[in-house]
C-alpha atoms as a PDB file:
ATOM      1  CA  MET A   1     -31.241  39.369 -11.856  1.00  0.00           C
ATOM      2  CA  ILE A   2     -33.575  42.049 -11.970  1.00  0.00           C
ATOM      3  CA  PHE A   3     -32.512  45.325 -13.294  1.00  0.00           C
ATOM      4  CA  SER A   4     -33.693  48.779 -13.779  1.00  0.00           C
ATOM      5  CA  GLU A   5     -32.566  52.363 -14.346  1.00  0.00           C
ATOM      6  CA  THR A   6     -34.647  55.496 -13.332  1.00  0.00           C
ATOM      7  CA  THR A   7     -34.722  59.261 -13.128  1.00  0.00           C
ATOM      8  CA  PHE A   8     -35.387  61.274  -9.981  1.00  0.00           C
ATOM      9  CA  TRP A   9     -36.383  64.959 -10.331  1.00  0.00           C
ATOM     10  CA  LEU A  10     -35.580  67.654  -8.153  1.00  0.00           C
ATOM     11  CA  GLY A  11     -38.557  68.886  -6.357  1.00  0.00           C
ATOM     12  CA  ARG A  12     -40.967  66.331  -7.876  1.00  0.00           C
ATOM     13  CA  SER A  13     -41.632  62.777  -6.946  1.00  0.00           C
ATOM     14  CA  GLY A  14     -41.602  61.860 -10.628  1.00  0.00           C
ATOM     15  CA  VAL A  15     -44.377  58.925  -9.652  1.00  0.00           C
ATOM     16  CA  ALA A  16     -46.738  58.505 -12.642  1.00  0.00           C
ATOM     17  CA  ARG A  17     -50.424  57.754 -12.316  1.00  0.00           C
ATOM     18  CA  TRP A  18     -53.069  57.370 -14.562  1.00  0.00           C
ATOM     19  CA  LYS A  19     -55.829  59.894 -14.737  1.00  0.00           C
ATOM     20  CA  PRO A  20     -59.420  60.026 -15.963  1.00  0.00           C
ATOM     21  CA  LYS A  21     -59.809  61.473 -19.395  1.00  0.00           C
ATOM     22  CA  GLY A  22     -60.277  65.138 -19.451  1.00  0.00           C
ATOM     23  CA  GLU A  23     -58.759  65.498 -15.873  1.00  0.00           C
ATOM     24  CA  GLU A  24     -55.896  68.006 -15.709  1.00  0.00           C
ATOM     25  CA  ASN A  25     -52.654  66.338 -14.785  1.00  0.00           C
ATOM     26  CA  LEU A  26     -51.070  68.508 -12.174  1.00  0.00           C
ATOM     27  CA  HIS A  27     -48.078  66.078 -11.599  1.00  0.00           C
ATOM     28  CA  MET A  28     -46.620  66.682 -15.013  1.00  0.00           C
ATOM     29  CA  VAL A  29     -42.794  67.185 -14.635  1.00  0.00           C
ATOM     30  CA  SER A  30     -41.333  70.088 -16.765  1.00  0.00           C
ATOM     31  CA  LYS A  31     -38.770  69.394 -19.215  1.00  0.00           C
ATOM     32  CA  ASN A  32     -36.177  71.602 -17.473  1.00  0.00           C
ATOM     33  CA  VAL A  33     -36.425  70.237 -14.012  1.00  0.00           C
ATOM     34  CA  PRO A  34     -32.993  69.313 -12.916  1.00  0.00           C
ATOM     35  CA  LYS A  35     -32.833  65.529 -12.587  1.00  0.00           C
ATOM     36  CA  VAL A  36     -30.438  62.657 -11.514  1.00  0.00           C
ATOM     37  CA  ASN A  37     -30.437  59.344 -13.629  1.00  0.00           C
ATOM     38  CA  VAL A  38     -30.001  56.162 -11.556  1.00  0.00           C
ATOM     39  CA  TRP A  39     -28.897  52.632 -12.565  1.00  0.00           C
ATOM     40  CA  GLY A  40     -29.434  50.023  -9.694  1.00  0.00           C
ATOM     41  CA  ALA A  41     -30.116  46.295  -9.770  1.00  0.00           C
ATOM     42  CA  ILE A  42     -31.455  43.963  -6.997  1.00  0.00           C
ATOM     43  CA  SER A  43     -31.959  40.108  -7.011  1.00  0.00           C
ATOM     44  CA  TYR A  44     -33.045  37.719  -4.602  1.00  0.00           C
ATOM     45  CA  ASN A  45     -29.208  37.133  -3.642  1.00  0.00           C
ATOM     46  CA  GLY A  46     -28.732  40.892  -2.959  1.00  0.00           C
ATOM     47  CA  ILE A  47     -28.431  44.517  -4.085  1.00  0.00           C
ATOM     48  CA  VAL A  48     -25.693  45.909  -6.776  1.00  0.00           C
ATOM     49  CA  SER A  49     -24.381  49.319  -5.810  1.00  0.00           C
ATOM     50  CA  LEU A  50     -25.851  52.546  -7.559  1.00  0.00           C
ATOM     51  CA  LYS A  51     -24.617  54.393 -10.465  1.00  0.00           C
ATOM     52  CA  MET A  52     -25.779  57.872 -10.555  1.00  0.00           C
ATOM     53  CA  PHE A  53     -25.425  60.278 -13.728  1.00  0.00           C
ATOM     54  CA  ARG A  54     -26.805  63.294 -14.811  1.00  0.00           C
ATOM     55  CA  GLU A  55     -26.242  62.697 -18.671  1.00  0.00           C
ATOM     56  CA  ASN A  56     -28.889  61.132 -20.768  1.00  0.00           C
ATOM     57  CA  LEU A  57     -28.470  57.229 -20.949  1.00  0.00           C
ATOM     58  CA  ASP A  58     -27.431  56.075 -24.166  1.00  0.00           C
ATOM     59  CA  SER A  59     -25.949  52.439 -25.549  1.00  0.00           C
ATOM     60  CA  ILE A  60     -22.269  53.788 -24.883  1.00  0.00           C
ATOM     61  CA  LEU A  61     -22.938  54.976 -21.275  1.00  0.00           C
ATOM     62  CA  TYR A  62     -25.233  51.900 -20.702  1.00  0.00           C
ATOM     63  CA  VAL A  63     -22.515  49.414 -21.652  1.00  0.00           C
ATOM     64  CA  GLU A  64     -19.906  51.372 -19.768  1.00  0.00           C
ATOM     65  CA  ILE A  65     -22.107  51.092 -16.552  1.00  0.00           C
ATOM     66  CA  LEU A  66     -22.800  47.293 -17.337  1.00  0.00           C
ATOM     67  CA  GLY A  67     -18.907  47.044 -17.218  1.00  0.00           C
ATOM     68  CA  GLU A  68     -18.551  48.886 -14.086  1.00  0.00           C
ATOM     69  CA  LYS A  69     -21.326  46.445 -12.156  1.00  0.00           C
ATOM     70  CA  LEU A  70     -20.628  43.127 -13.698  1.00  0.00           C
ATOM     71  CA  SER A  71     -18.330  41.992 -11.212  1.00  0.00           C
ATOM     72  CA  GLU A  72     -20.797  42.920  -8.497  1.00  0.00           C
ATOM     73  CA  MET A  73     -23.717  41.021 -10.414  1.00  0.00           C
ATOM     74  CA  ARG A  74     -21.450  38.070 -10.708  1.00  0.00           C
ATOM     75  CA  GLN A  75     -20.507  38.019  -6.934  1.00  0.00           C
ATOM     76  CA  LEU A  76     -24.376  37.766  -6.164  1.00  0.00           C
ATOM     77  CA  TYR A  77     -24.486  34.524  -8.076  1.00  0.00           C
ATOM     78  CA  ARG A  78     -21.179  33.134  -7.261  1.00  0.00           C
ATOM     79  CA  TYR A  79     -22.654  29.782  -6.031  1.00  0.00           C
ATOM     80  CA  VAL A  80     -25.316  29.526  -8.536  1.00  0.00           C
ATOM     81  CA  SER A  81     -24.600  28.224 -12.014  1.00  0.00           C
ATOM     82  CA  GLY A  82     -26.567  30.329 -14.537  1.00  0.00           C
ATOM     83  CA  TRP A  83     -28.435  33.624 -13.982  1.00  0.00           C
ATOM     84  CA  SER A  84     -30.205  35.995 -16.300  1.00  0.00           C
ATOM     85  CA  TYR A  85     -30.208  39.635 -16.668  1.00  0.00           C
ATOM     86  CA  GLN A  86     -33.739  41.246 -17.267  1.00  0.00           C
ATOM     87  CA  GLN A  87     -34.269  44.581 -19.346  1.00  0.00           C
ATOM     88  CA  ASP A  88     -37.038  46.103 -21.426  1.00  0.00           C
ATOM     89  CA  ASN A  89     -36.892  46.604 -25.346  1.00  0.00           C
ATOM     90  CA  ASP A  90     -35.660  50.166 -24.846  1.00  0.00           C
ATOM     91  CA  PRO A  91     -33.406  51.029 -27.952  1.00  0.00           C
ATOM     92  CA  LYS A  92     -30.375  51.346 -25.827  1.00  0.00           C
ATOM     93  CA  HIS A  93     -30.963  48.033 -24.549  1.00  0.00           C
ATOM     94  CA  THR A  94     -31.297  46.389 -27.680  1.00  0.00           C
ATOM     95  CA  ALA A  95     -28.517  48.310 -29.656  1.00  0.00           C
ATOM     96  CA  ASN A  96     -25.932  46.388 -31.533  1.00  0.00           C
ATOM     97  CA  LYS A  97     -23.214  47.900 -28.866  1.00  0.00           C
ATOM     98  CA  THR A  98     -25.169  46.630 -26.064  1.00  0.00           C
ATOM     99  CA  ASN A  99     -25.915  43.153 -27.671  1.00  0.00           C
ATOM    100  CA  ASN A 100     -22.406  42.890 -28.381  1.00  0.00           C
ATOM    101  CA  TRP A 101     -21.381  43.439 -24.750  1.00  0.00           C
ATOM    102  CA  PHE A 102     -23.794  40.718 -23.427  1.00  0.00           C
ATOM    103  CA  SER A 103     -22.448  38.324 -25.766  1.00  0.00           C
ATOM    104  CA  ASN A 104     -18.866  39.170 -25.045  1.00  0.00           C
ATOM    105  CA  ASN A 105     -19.292  38.837 -21.435  1.00  0.00           C
ATOM    106  CA  LYS A 106     -21.303  35.755 -21.657  1.00  0.00           C
ATOM    107  CA  VAL A 107     -24.181  37.520 -19.721  1.00  0.00           C
ATOM    108  CA  LYS A 108     -27.621  35.694 -20.568  1.00  0.00           C
ATOM    109  CA  LYS A 109     -30.429  38.062 -20.943  1.00  0.00           C
ATOM    110  CA  LEU A 110     -33.936  37.034 -20.065  1.00  0.00           C
ATOM    111  CA  PRO A 111     -36.178  37.333 -23.035  1.00  0.00           C
ATOM    112  CA  TRP A 112     -38.729  40.307 -22.784  1.00  0.00           C
ATOM    113  CA  PRO A 113     -41.782  40.555 -25.230  1.00  0.00           C
ATOM    114  CA  ALA A 114     -42.084  43.979 -26.978  1.00  0.00           C
ATOM    115  CA  SER A 115     -44.710  46.194 -25.830  1.00  0.00           C
ATOM    116  CA  SER A 116     -45.094  44.281 -22.600  1.00  0.00           C
ATOM    117  CA  PRO A 117     -46.335  45.739 -19.143  1.00  0.00           C
ATOM    118  CA  ASP A 118     -43.256  46.882 -16.901  1.00  0.00           C
ATOM    119  CA  LEU A 119     -43.663  44.153 -14.168  1.00  0.00           C
ATOM    120  CA  ASN A 120     -40.497  44.448 -13.072  1.00  0.00           C
ATOM    121  CA  PRO A 121     -40.128  44.039  -9.094  1.00  0.00           C
ATOM    122  CA  ILE A 122     -37.559  46.999  -8.801  1.00  0.00           C
ATOM    123  CA  GLU A 123     -40.216  49.571 -10.186  1.00  0.00           C
ATOM    124  CA  ASN A 124     -42.084  49.062  -6.458  1.00  0.00           C
ATOM    125  CA  VAL A 125     -38.636  50.024  -5.127  1.00  0.00           C
ATOM    126  CA  TRP A 126     -38.096  53.070  -7.355  1.00  0.00           C
ATOM    127  CA  GLY A 127     -41.836  54.047  -6.561  1.00  0.00           C
ATOM    128  CA  LYS A 128     -41.226  53.925  -2.737  1.00  0.00           C
ATOM    129  CA  MET A 129     -37.980  55.830  -2.919  1.00  0.00           C
ATOM    130  CA  LYS A 130     -39.498  58.642  -5.111  1.00  0.00           C
ATOM    131  CA  LYS A 131     -42.336  59.033  -2.634  1.00  0.00           C
ATOM    132  CA  ASP A 132     -39.769  58.926   0.394  1.00  0.00           C
ATOM    133  CA  ILE A 133     -37.571  61.531  -1.490  1.00  0.00           C
ATOM    134  CA  GLY A 134     -40.528  63.624  -1.937  1.00  0.00           C
ATOM    135  CA  LYS A 135     -41.113  63.813   1.648  1.00  0.00           C
ATOM    136  CA  MET A 136     -37.359  64.707   2.157  1.00  0.00           C
ATOM    137  CA  LYS A 137     -37.544  67.703   0.076  1.00  0.00           C
ATOM    138  CA  PRO A 138     -33.766  68.007  -1.220  1.00  0.00           C
ATOM    139  CA  LYS A 139     -32.908  71.401  -2.304  1.00  0.00           C
ATOM    140  CA  ASN A 140     -30.138  70.878  -4.814  1.00  0.00           C
ATOM    141  CA  LEU A 141     -28.993  67.847  -6.810  1.00  0.00           C
ATOM    142  CA  GLU A 142     -26.248  67.037  -4.330  1.00  0.00           C
ATOM    143  CA  GLU A 143     -28.912  66.664  -1.740  1.00  0.00           C
ATOM    144  CA  LEU A 144     -30.993  64.504  -4.023  1.00  0.00           C
ATOM    145  CA  GLU A 145     -28.191  62.303  -4.671  1.00  0.00           C
ATOM    146  CA  ASP A 146     -27.370  61.840  -1.289  1.00  0.00           C
ATOM    147  CA  SER A 147     -30.985  61.042  -0.355  1.00  0.00           C
ATOM    148  CA  ILE A 148     -31.011  58.536  -3.270  1.00  0.00           C
ATOM    149  CA  GLU A 149     -27.871  56.938  -1.857  1.00  0.00           C
ATOM    150  CA  GLU A 150     -29.230  56.882   1.649  1.00  0.00           C
ATOM    151  CA  LEU A 151     -32.565  55.197   0.985  1.00  0.00           C
ATOM    152  CA  TRP A 152     -30.982  52.688  -1.518  1.00  0.00           C
ATOM    153  CA  GLY A 153     -28.717  51.708   1.622  1.00  0.00           C
ATOM    154  CA  LEU A 154     -31.710  51.023   3.517  1.00  0.00           C
ATOM    155  CA  ILE A 155     -33.166  48.399   1.029  1.00  0.00           C
ATOM    156  CA  SER A 156     -33.592  45.079   2.995  1.00  0.00           C
ATOM    157  CA  LEU A 157     -33.212  41.689   1.194  1.00  0.00           C
ATOM    158  CA  GLU A 158     -36.651  40.783   2.984  1.00  0.00           C
END
């Protein structure tokens, strides 16, 4: 299983980039820009439906989302014995509450080294979606959510 959550900002693509030292960064996102947080999962076997939320993600909400999406994740691997869930070492991912959830639900986590580069393939999906949403120019959070949902539905297994 390949996993990720991301944030979409209203009026900004939110796509980060490296810049040369001394060059002004004109693409910084202000702290107060309205945003939608998104949890989604992709794997070789398919795609799990999105969960959108506006509050900040903590271990309590994270475990709630995992519980809500567990049956979909298991359904993707119904004919496969053994699958792993990939996440980075963000504190909400490594909290006791989160670790207990994985243990209680017998979900195996893929080991992920600390301070490792984010090589998760879903980051490419998020990047493309953010670029496409920037072109769609949603005017409010509802339009932003509709755009996110529309683009997620267009993801092909290929």
